Amino acid sequence: MNFFKLGIITNGSVDRQMAKMTQLRLFNWVNRENVLISEEVGLEKPDPRIFTAMSRKLEVSPSEVAYVGNRYDLDVRGAKKSWLACLLVQSSRT
């Protein structure tokens, strides 16, 4: 059976990021325990340790992860340093 696990890595305060994720109804798709908020874990993107922490949390190896981000400086650099495949999504809103 093929399936995938979803997680979220986000920089910022717990209160602000939880409010955003709740408003966007992301918890319909992602379990709260699979969310890493920088304020909560004491690490922030682009520190590769936060990406590695997510791999461990999801119980997958870095080679099994496809990280999707919208900022090269924070998302792509950190993911690459953690040996994760990374997709950069660009939009007019970022």
Foldseek 3Di string as FASTA:
>chain_A
DDDDADAEEEEDDPVVVVVVCVVVVVCVPHPPQRYHYCVVPVDFFPALVVVVVSCVSRVHQQDPAEAEDADCRGGVNSSVVSVHHYDHDYDPVD
